[in-house]
Amino acid sequence: MSSKKLRNVYVAGKRTSMRLEAAFWEGLEEIAQKESLTLGELCNRLAERVDAVDASNLSSAVRVYVLDYFRAATPKRPDNAYTPLAIAAE
C-alpha cells in the first residue's frame, strides 16, 4: 500500500496541508512544470475548482485533476487493444 505524504501549500495566501500519495505529488509537480506554474499557483487554480470536479476537498480535487490531465495526454487506443498493465490487472 502506498503511503501518503503530508505537505503544506499556500492557497489564497493561507497555508494549507494536503495528504497525497507520492505518485500524485510527482504528477502535480510535473504538471506545474509543464504548464509553467509554481506548485502553489496550480493548487490555487485547483482550489477554485473543488466543486467543479465534484470533490469534497482540495486533496480529492488534486487527485481527479492529475488523473484527468494525464488521461487527456494519453493517445487513444483501438477499442480492443489492451495495455500491458490492464492485462496484468485482469
PDB file of N, CA and C in Angstrom:
ATOM      1  N   MET A   1       0.849  -1.184   0.000  1.00  0.00           N
ATOM      2  CA  MET A   1       0.000   0.000   0.000  1.00  0.00           C
ATOM      3  C   MET A   1       0.885   1.234   0.000  1.00  0.00           C
ATOM      4  N   SER A   2       0.525   2.203  -0.802  1.00  0.00           N
ATOM      5  CA  SER A   2       1.282   3.438  -0.925  1.00  0.00           C
ATOM      6  C   SER A   2       0.987   4.338   0.263  1.00  0.00           C
ATOM      7  N   SER A   3       2.054   4.862   0.875  1.00  0.00           N
ATOM      8  CA  SER A   3       1.823   5.771   1.993  1.00  0.00           C
ATOM      9  C   SER A   3       1.598   7.186   1.474  1.00  0.00           C
ATOM     10  N   LYS A   4       0.856   7.944   2.230  1.00  0.00           N
ATOM     11  CA  LYS A   4       0.533   9.311   1.847  1.00  0.00           C
ATOM     12  C   LYS A   4       1.526  10.259   2.515  1.00  0.00           C
ATOM     13  N   LYS A   5       1.888  11.281   1.783  1.00  0.00           N
ATOM     14  CA  LYS A   5       2.849  12.256   2.261  1.00  0.00           C
ATOM     15  C   LYS A   5       2.131  13.573   2.507  1.00  0.00           C
ATOM     16  N   LEU A   6       2.294  14.136   3.700  1.00  0.00           N
ATOM     17  CA  LEU A   6       1.680  15.405   4.059  1.00  0.00           C
ATOM     18  C   LEU A   6       2.625  16.539   3.682  1.00  0.00           C
ATOM     19  N   ARG A   7       2.095  17.497   2.931  1.00  0.00           N
ATOM     20  CA  ARG A   7       2.884  18.675   2.557  1.00  0.00           C
ATOM     21  C   ARG A   7       2.018  19.911   2.716  1.00  0.00           C
ATOM     22  N   ASN A   8       2.675  21.024   2.951  1.00  0.00           N
ATOM     23  CA  ASN A   8       1.986  22.303   3.062  1.00  0.00           C
ATOM     24  C   ASN A   8       2.102  23.060   1.749  1.00  0.00           C
ATOM     25  N   VAL A   9       1.013  23.678   1.336  1.00  0.00           N
ATOM     26  CA  VAL A   9       0.995  24.554   0.173  1.00  0.00           C
ATOM     27  C   VAL A   9       0.220  25.806   0.565  1.00  0.00           C
ATOM     28  N   TYR A  10       0.449  26.860  -0.179  1.00  0.00           N
ATOM     29  CA  TYR A  10      -0.285  28.099   0.071  1.00  0.00           C
ATOM     30  C   TYR A  10      -1.398  28.243  -0.946  1.00  0.00           C
ATOM     31  N   VAL A  11      -2.601  28.407  -0.450  1.00  0.00           N
ATOM     32  CA  VAL A  11      -3.786  28.591  -1.284  1.00  0.00           C
ATOM     33  C   VAL A  11      -4.485  29.844  -0.796  1.00  0.00           C
ATOM     34  N   ALA A  12      -4.691  30.773  -1.707  1.00  0.00           N
ATOM     35  CA  ALA A  12      -5.318  32.058  -1.377  1.00  0.00           C
ATOM     36  C   ALA A  12      -4.568  32.746  -0.237  1.00  0.00           C
ATOM     37  N   GLY A  13      -3.245  32.612  -0.253  1.00  0.00           N
ATOM     38  CA  GLY A  13      -2.406  33.268   0.742  1.00  0.00           C
ATOM     39  C   GLY A  13      -2.356  32.597   2.100  1.00  0.00           C
ATOM     40  N   LYS A  14      -3.040  31.475   2.242  1.00  0.00           N
ATOM     41  CA  LYS A  14      -3.049  30.762   3.524  1.00  0.00           C
ATOM     42  C   LYS A  14      -2.394  29.407   3.376  1.00  0.00           C
ATOM     43  N   ARG A  15      -1.643  29.028   4.380  1.00  0.00           N
ATOM     44  CA  ARG A  15      -1.007  27.717   4.365  1.00  0.00           C
ATOM     45  C   ARG A  15      -2.044  26.645   4.642  1.00  0.00           C
ATOM     46  N   THR A  16      -2.048  25.629   3.801  1.00  0.00           N
ATOM     47  CA  THR A  16      -2.956  24.506   3.997  1.00  0.00           C
ATOM     48  C   THR A  16      -2.164  23.217   3.797  1.00  0.00           C
ATOM     49  N   SER A  17      -2.620  22.162   4.385  1.00  0.00           N
ATOM     50  CA  SER A  17      -1.940  20.875   4.277  1.00  0.00           C
ATOM     51  C   SER A  17      -2.730  19.945   3.380  1.00  0.00           C
ATOM     52  N   MET A  18      -2.002  19.186   2.587  1.00  0.00           N
ATOM     53  CA  MET A  18      -2.623  18.153   1.759  1.00  0.00           C
ATOM     54  C   MET A  18      -1.855  16.859   1.969  1.00  0.00           C
ATOM     55  N   ARG A  19      -2.606  15.783   2.070  1.00  0.00           N
ATOM     56  CA  ARG A  19      -2.010  14.453   2.215  1.00  0.00           C
ATOM     57  C   ARG A  19      -2.321  13.686   0.941  1.00  0.00           C
ATOM     58  N   LEU A  20      -1.259  13.437   0.143  1.00  0.00           N
ATOM     59  CA  LEU A  20      -1.401  12.732  -1.126  1.00  0.00           C
ATOM     60  C   LEU A  20      -0.356  11.628  -1.220  1.00  0.00           C
ATOM     61  N   GLU A  21      -0.668  10.620  -2.014  1.00  0.00           N
ATOM     62  CA  GLU A  21       0.303   9.587  -2.316  1.00  0.00           C
ATOM     63  C   GLU A  21       1.444  10.223  -3.122  1.00  0.00           C
ATOM     64  N   ALA A  22       2.642   9.653  -3.007  1.00  0.00           N
ATOM     65  CA  ALA A  22       3.819  10.201  -3.683  1.00  0.00           C
ATOM     66  C   ALA A  22       3.595  10.350  -5.189  1.00  0.00           C
ATOM     67  N   ALA A  23       2.907   9.412  -5.812  1.00  0.00           N
ATOM     68  CA  ALA A  23       2.668   9.468  -7.255  1.00  0.00           C
ATOM     69  C   ALA A  23       1.856  10.712  -7.623  1.00  0.00           C
ATOM     70  N   PHE A  24       0.910  11.105  -6.788  1.00  0.00           N
ATOM     71  CA  PHE A  24       0.121  12.304  -7.072  1.00  0.00           C
ATOM     72  C   PHE A  24       0.944  13.570  -6.869  1.00  0.00           C
ATOM     73  N   TRP A  25       1.807  13.598  -5.845  1.00  0.00           N
ATOM     74  CA  TRP A  25       2.697  14.751  -5.675  1.00  0.00           C
ATOM     75  C   TRP A  25       3.603  14.892  -6.889  1.00  0.00           C
ATOM     76  N   GLU A  26       4.154  13.767  -7.354  1.00  0.00           N
ATOM     77  CA  GLU A  26       5.045  13.795  -8.514  1.00  0.00           C
ATOM     78  C   GLU A  26       4.287  14.268  -9.760  1.00  0.00           C
ATOM     79  N   GLY A  27       3.081  13.754  -9.949  1.00  0.00           N
ATOM     80  CA  GLY A  27       2.266  14.166 -11.086  1.00  0.00           C
ATOM     81  C   GLY A  27       1.933  15.639 -11.025  1.00  0.00           C
ATOM     82  N   LEU A  28       1.572  16.130  -9.851  1.00  0.00           N
ATOM     83  CA  LEU A  28       1.230  17.536  -9.681  1.00  0.00           C
ATOM     84  C   LEU A  28       2.437  18.426  -9.987  1.00  0.00           C
ATOM     85  N   GLU A  29       3.612  18.035  -9.510  1.00  0.00           N
ATOM     86  CA  GLU A  29       4.830  18.806  -9.774  1.00  0.00           C
ATOM     87  C   GLU A  29       5.170  18.792 -11.264  1.00  0.00           C
ATOM     88  N   GLU A  30       4.994  17.655 -11.919  1.00  0.00           N
ATOM     89  CA  GLU A  30       5.257  17.553 -13.351  1.00  0.00           C
ATOM     90  C   GLU A  30       4.309  18.458 -14.142  1.00  0.00           C
ATOM     91  N   ILE A  31       3.046  18.447 -13.772  1.00  0.00           N
ATOM     92  CA  ILE A  31       2.065  19.295 -14.447  1.00  0.00           C
ATOM     93  C   ILE A  31       2.419  20.771 -14.255  1.00  0.00           C
ATOM     94  N   ALA A  32       2.741  21.154 -13.036  1.00  0.00           N
ATOM     95  CA  ALA A  32       3.095  22.554 -12.761  1.00  0.00           C
ATOM     96  C   ALA A  32       4.273  22.978 -13.637  1.00  0.00           C
ATOM     97  N   GLN A  33       5.264  22.122 -13.746  1.00  0.00           N
ATOM     98  CA  GLN A  33       6.430  22.433 -14.573  1.00  0.00           C
ATOM     99  C   GLN A  33       6.035  22.568 -16.042  1.00  0.00           C
ATOM    100  N   LYS A  34       5.243  21.619 -16.546  1.00  0.00           N
ATOM    101  CA  LYS A  34       4.816  21.654 -17.953  1.00  0.00           C
ATOM    102  C   LYS A  34       3.977  22.885 -18.265  1.00  0.00           C
ATOM    103  N   GLU A  35       3.207  23.343 -17.303  1.00  0.00           N
ATOM    104  CA  GLU A  35       2.313  24.481 -17.508  1.00  0.00           C
ATOM    105  C   GLU A  35       2.956  25.807 -17.084  1.00  0.00           C
ATOM    106  N   SER A  36       4.244  25.766 -16.733  1.00  0.00           N
ATOM    107  CA  SER A  36       4.996  26.959 -16.303  1.00  0.00           C
ATOM    108  C   SER A  36       4.340  27.655 -15.115  1.00  0.00           C
ATOM    109  N   LEU A  37       3.944  26.850 -14.142  1.00  0.00           N
ATOM    110  CA  LEU A  37       3.329  27.352 -12.914  1.00  0.00           C
ATOM    111  C   LEU A  37       4.130  26.852 -11.721  1.00  0.00           C
ATOM    112  N   THR A  38       4.035  27.570 -10.617  1.00  0.00           N
ATOM    113  CA  THR A  38       4.575  27.029  -9.380  1.00  0.00           C
ATOM    114  C   THR A  38       3.542  26.049  -8.821  1.00  0.00           C
ATOM    115  N   LEU A  39       3.960  25.226  -7.901  1.00  0.00           N
ATOM    116  CA  LEU A  39       3.030  24.292  -7.278  1.00  0.00           C
ATOM    117  C   LEU A  39       1.907  25.061  -6.580  1.00  0.00           C
ATOM    118  N   GLY A  40       2.250  26.167  -5.948  1.00  0.00           N
ATOM    119  CA  GLY A  40       1.249  26.990  -5.276  1.00  0.00           C
ATOM    120  C   GLY A  40       0.238  27.586  -6.239  1.00  0.00           C
ATOM    121  N   GLU A  41       0.709  28.069  -7.389  1.00  0.00           N
ATOM    122  CA  GLU A  41      -0.204  28.634  -8.380  1.00  0.00           C
ATOM    123  C   GLU A  41      -1.173  27.577  -8.895  1.00  0.00           C
ATOM    124  N   LEU A  42      -0.654  26.394  -9.152  1.00  0.00           N
ATOM    125  CA  LEU A  42      -1.519  25.309  -9.624  1.00  0.00           C
ATOM    126  C   LEU A  42      -2.536  24.929  -8.554  1.00  0.00           C
ATOM    127  N   CYS A  43      -2.099  24.833  -7.321  1.00  0.00           N
ATOM    128  CA  CYS A  43      -3.019  24.491  -6.228  1.00  0.00           C
ATOM    129  C   CYS A  43      -4.080  25.573  -6.047  1.00  0.00           C
ATOM    130  N   ASN A  44      -3.720  26.841  -6.237  1.00  0.00           N
ATOM    131  CA  ASN A  44      -4.706  27.925  -6.171  1.00  0.00           C
ATOM    132  C   ASN A  44      -5.782  27.721  -7.226  1.00  0.00           C
ATOM    133  N   ARG A  45      -5.373  27.406  -8.435  1.00  0.00           N
ATOM    134  CA  ARG A  45      -6.342  27.179  -9.511  1.00  0.00           C
ATOM    135  C   ARG A  45      -7.238  25.986  -9.206  1.00  0.00           C
ATOM    136  N   LEU A  46      -6.644  24.946  -8.656  1.00  0.00           N
ATOM    137  CA  LEU A  46      -7.436  23.751  -8.334  1.00  0.00           C
ATOM    138  C   LEU A  46      -8.394  24.014  -7.178  1.00  0.00           C
ATOM    139  N   ALA A  47      -7.978  24.823  -6.229  1.00  0.00           N
ATOM    140  CA  ALA A  47      -8.848  25.147  -5.095  1.00  0.00           C
ATOM    141  C   ALA A  47     -10.124  25.837  -5.569  1.00  0.00           C
ATOM    142  N   GLU A  48     -10.009  26.597  -6.648  1.00  0.00           N
ATOM    143  CA  GLU A  48     -11.179  27.272  -7.206  1.00  0.00           C
ATOM    144  C   GLU A  48     -12.116  26.289  -7.906  1.00  0.00           C
ATOM    145  N   ARG A  49     -11.615  25.086  -8.217  1.00  0.00           N
ATOM    146  CA  ARG A  49     -12.393  24.101  -8.975  1.00  0.00           C
ATOM    147  C   ARG A  49     -12.881  22.934  -8.128  1.00  0.00           C
ATOM    148  N   VAL A  50     -12.717  22.974  -6.827  1.00  0.00           N
ATOM    149  CA  VAL A  50     -13.095  21.834  -5.977  1.00  0.00           C
ATOM    150  C   VAL A  50     -14.528  21.400  -6.259  1.00  0.00           C
ATOM    151  N   ASP A  51     -15.459  22.335  -6.287  1.00  0.00           N
ATOM    152  CA  ASP A  51     -16.856  21.985  -6.550  1.00  0.00           C
ATOM    153  C   ASP A  51     -17.064  21.536  -7.987  1.00  0.00           C
ATOM    154  N   ALA A  52     -16.317  22.132  -8.912  1.00  0.00           N
ATOM    155  CA  ALA A  52     -16.490  21.817 -10.336  1.00  0.00           C
ATOM    156  C   ALA A  52     -16.118  20.374 -10.659  1.00  0.00           C
ATOM    157  N   VAL A  53     -15.199  19.802  -9.908  1.00  0.00           N
ATOM    158  CA  VAL A  53     -14.803  18.412 -10.177  1.00  0.00           C
ATOM    159  C   VAL A  53     -15.500  17.445  -9.221  1.00  0.00           C
ATOM    160  N   ASP A  54     -16.527  17.936  -8.531  1.00  0.00           N
ATOM    161  CA  ASP A  54     -17.316  17.120  -7.616  1.00  0.00           C
ATOM    162  C   ASP A  54     -16.421  16.474  -6.550  1.00  0.00           C
ATOM    163  N   ALA A  55     -15.543  17.283  -5.991  1.00  0.00           N
ATOM    164  CA  ALA A  55     -14.636  16.795  -4.949  1.00  0.00           C
ATOM    165  C   ALA A  55     -15.034  17.431  -3.619  1.00  0.00           C
ATOM    166  N   SER A  56     -14.769  16.721  -2.553  1.00  0.00           N
ATOM    167  CA  SER A  56     -15.148  17.221  -1.234  1.00  0.00           C
ATOM    168  C   SER A  56     -14.057  18.081  -0.604  1.00  0.00           C
ATOM    169  N   ASN A  57     -12.837  17.993  -1.126  1.00  0.00           N
ATOM    170  CA  ASN A  57     -11.743  18.783  -0.571  1.00  0.00           C
ATOM    171  C   ASN A  57     -10.635  18.950  -1.613  1.00  0.00           C
ATOM    172  N   LEU A  58      -9.634  19.733  -1.281  1.00  0.00           N
ATOM    173  CA  LEU A  58      -8.566  20.021  -2.225  1.00  0.00           C
ATOM    174  C   LEU A  58      -7.772  18.770  -2.597  1.00  0.00           C
ATOM    175  N   SER A  59      -7.503  17.906  -1.654  1.00  0.00           N
ATOM    176  CA  SER A  59      -6.753  16.687  -1.956  1.00  0.00           C
ATOM    177  C   SER A  59      -7.483  15.839  -2.991  1.00  0.00           C
ATOM    178  N   SER A  60      -8.778  15.709  -2.843  1.00  0.00           N
ATOM    179  CA  SER A  60      -9.568  14.956  -3.820  1.00  0.00           C
ATOM    180  C   SER A  60      -9.559  15.641  -5.180  1.00  0.00           C
ATOM    181  N   ALA A  61      -9.678  16.967  -5.181  1.00  0.00           N
ATOM    182  CA  ALA A  61      -9.653  17.717  -6.438  1.00  0.00           C
ATOM    183  C   ALA A  61      -8.321  17.525  -7.149  1.00  0.00           C
ATOM    184  N   VAL A  62      -7.231  17.492  -6.394  1.00  0.00           N
ATOM    185  CA  VAL A  62      -5.911  17.279  -6.990  1.00  0.00           C
ATOM    186  C   VAL A  62      -5.831  15.892  -7.622  1.00  0.00           C
ATOM    187  N   ARG A  63      -6.301  14.875  -6.929  1.00  0.00           N
ATOM    188  CA  ARG A  63      -6.257  13.516  -7.480  1.00  0.00           C
ATOM    189  C   ARG A  63      -7.045  13.430  -8.795  1.00  0.00           C
ATOM    190  N   VAL A  64      -8.244  13.995  -8.805  1.00  0.00           N
ATOM    191  CA  VAL A  64      -9.073  13.979 -10.014  1.00  0.00           C
ATOM    192  C   VAL A  64      -8.376  14.735 -11.138  1.00  0.00           C
ATOM    193  N   TYR A  65      -7.825  15.891 -10.828  1.00  0.00           N
ATOM    194  CA  TYR A  65      -7.169  16.713 -11.841  1.00  0.00           C
ATOM    195  C   TYR A  65      -5.951  16.003 -12.437  1.00  0.00           C
ATOM    196  N   VAL A  66      -5.102  15.438 -11.593  1.00  0.00           N
ATOM    197  CA  VAL A  66      -3.900  14.747 -12.083  1.00  0.00           C
ATOM    198  C   VAL A  66      -4.297  13.580 -12.984  1.00  0.00           C
ATOM    199  N   LEU A  67      -5.278  12.802 -12.562  1.00  0.00           N
ATOM    200  CA  LEU A  67      -5.747  11.688 -13.371  1.00  0.00           C
ATOM    201  C   LEU A  67      -6.295  12.181 -14.712  1.00  0.00           C
ATOM    202  N   ASP A  68      -7.155  13.189 -14.684  1.00  0.00           N
ATOM    203  CA  ASP A  68      -7.734  13.739 -15.917  1.00  0.00           C
ATOM    204  C   ASP A  68      -6.664  14.315 -16.837  1.00  0.00           C
ATOM    205  N   TYR A  69      -5.686  15.001 -16.262  1.00  0.00           N
ATOM    206  CA  TYR A  69      -4.624  15.633 -17.051  1.00  0.00           C
ATOM    207  C   TYR A  69      -3.848  14.580 -17.845  1.00  0.00           C
ATOM    208  N   PHE A  70      -3.444  13.522 -17.172  1.00  0.00           N
ATOM    209  CA  PHE A  70      -2.651  12.505 -17.854  1.00  0.00           C
ATOM    210  C   PHE A  70      -3.501  11.620 -18.764  1.00  0.00           C
ATOM    211  N   ARG A  71      -4.760  11.426 -18.424  1.00  0.00           N
ATOM    212  CA  ARG A  71      -5.663  10.708 -19.341  1.00  0.00           C
ATOM    213  C   ARG A  71      -5.796  11.469 -20.655  1.00  0.00           C
ATOM    214  N   ALA A  72      -5.970  12.779 -20.544  1.00  0.00           N
ATOM    215  CA  ALA A  72      -6.127  13.608 -21.742  1.00  0.00           C
ATOM    216  C   ALA A  72      -4.865  13.582 -22.599  1.00  0.00           C
ATOM    217  N   ALA A  73      -3.714  13.399 -21.984  1.00  0.00           N
ATOM    218  CA  ALA A  73      -2.442  13.390 -22.713  1.00  0.00           C
ATOM    219  C   ALA A  73      -2.102  12.018 -23.289  1.00  0.00           C
ATOM    220  N   THR A  74      -2.874  10.999 -22.919  1.00  0.00           N
ATOM    221  CA  THR A  74      -2.600   9.640 -23.375  1.00  0.00           C
ATOM    222  C   THR A  74      -3.275   9.391 -24.713  1.00  0.00           C
ATOM    223  N   PRO A  75      -2.507   8.913 -25.705  1.00  0.00           N
ATOM    224  CA  PRO A  75      -3.124   8.623 -27.011  1.00  0.00           C
ATOM    225  C   PRO A  75      -4.222   7.576 -26.868  1.00  0.00           C
ATOM    226  N   LYS A  76      -5.278   7.756 -27.606  1.00  0.00           N
ATOM    227  CA  LYS A  76      -6.391   6.805 -27.579  1.00  0.00           C
ATOM    228  C   LYS A  76      -5.979   5.537 -28.317  1.00  0.00           C
ATOM    229  N   ARG A  77      -6.405   4.405 -27.792  1.00  0.00           N
ATOM    230  CA  ARG A  77      -6.091   3.115 -28.392  1.00  0.00           C
ATOM    231  C   ARG A  77      -7.359   2.540 -29.023  1.00  0.00           C
ATOM    232  N   PRO A  78      -7.195   1.640 -29.992  1.00  0.00           N
ATOM    233  CA  PRO A  78      -8.378   0.970 -30.551  1.00  0.00           C
ATOM    234  C   PRO A  78      -9.160   0.271 -29.434  1.00  0.00           C
ATOM    235  N   ASP A  79     -10.458   0.124 -29.615  1.00  0.00           N
ATOM    236  CA  ASP A  79     -11.329  -0.431 -28.574  1.00  0.00           C
ATOM    237  C   ASP A  79     -10.860  -1.772 -28.023  1.00  0.00           C
ATOM    238  N   ASN A  80     -10.321  -2.627 -28.843  1.00  0.00           N
ATOM    239  CA  ASN A  80      -9.944  -3.970 -28.395  1.00  0.00           C
ATOM    240  C   ASN A  80      -8.500  -4.079 -27.946  1.00  0.00           C
ATOM    241  N   ALA A  81      -7.757  -2.988 -27.955  1.00  0.00           N
ATOM    242  CA  ALA A  81      -6.348  -3.042 -27.566  1.00  0.00           C
ATOM    243  C   ALA A  81      -6.220  -2.908 -26.053  1.00  0.00           C
ATOM    244  N   TYR A  82      -5.359  -3.698 -25.493  1.00  0.00           N
ATOM    245  CA  TYR A  82      -5.101  -3.653 -24.061  1.00  0.00           C
ATOM    246  C   TYR A  82      -3.689  -3.155 -23.824  1.00  0.00           C
ATOM    247  N   THR A  83      -3.513  -2.440 -22.714  1.00  0.00           N
ATOM    248  CA  THR A  83      -2.164  -2.067 -22.324  1.00  0.00           C
ATOM    249  C   THR A  83      -1.616  -3.185 -21.456  1.00  0.00           C
ATOM    250  N   PRO A  84      -0.304  -3.335 -21.350  1.00  0.00           N
ATOM    251  CA  PRO A  84       0.257  -4.409 -20.513  1.00  0.00           C
ATOM    252  C   PRO A  84      -0.252  -4.348 -19.082  1.00  0.00           C
ATOM    253  N   LEU A  85      -0.426  -3.149 -18.531  1.00  0.00           N
ATOM    254  CA  LEU A  85      -0.920  -3.022 -17.158  1.00  0.00           C
ATOM    255  C   LEU A  85      -2.343  -3.539 -17.048  1.00  0.00           C
ATOM    256  N   ALA A  86      -3.187  -3.242 -18.028  1.00  0.00           N
ATOM    257  CA  ALA A  86      -4.574  -3.705 -17.995  1.00  0.00           C
ATOM    258  C   ALA A  86      -4.625  -5.225 -18.024  1.00  0.00           C
ATOM    259  N   ILE A  87      -3.770  -5.841 -18.807  1.00  0.00           N
ATOM    260  CA  ILE A  87      -3.734  -7.298 -18.884  1.00  0.00           C
ATOM    261  C   ILE A  87      -3.289  -7.874 -17.542  1.00  0.00           C
ATOM    262  N   ALA A  88      -2.300  -7.251 -16.926  1.00  0.00           N
ATOM    263  CA  ALA A  88      -1.795  -7.726 -15.644  1.00  0.00           C
ATOM    264  C   ALA A  88      -2.851  -7.613 -14.556  1.00  0.00           C
ATOM    265  N   ALA A  89      -3.749  -6.648 -14.678  1.00  0.00           N
ATOM    266  CA  ALA A  89      -4.768  -6.434 -13.647  1.00  0.00           C
ATOM    267  C   ALA A  89      -5.958  -7.372 -13.783  1.00  0.00           C
ATOM    268  N   GLU A  90      -6.071  -8.051 -14.914  1.00  0.00           N
ATOM    269  CA  GLU A  90      -7.226  -8.940 -15.120  1.00  0.00           C
ATOM    270  C   GLU A  90      -7.188 -10.160 -14.233  1.00  0.00           C
TER     271      GLU A  90
END
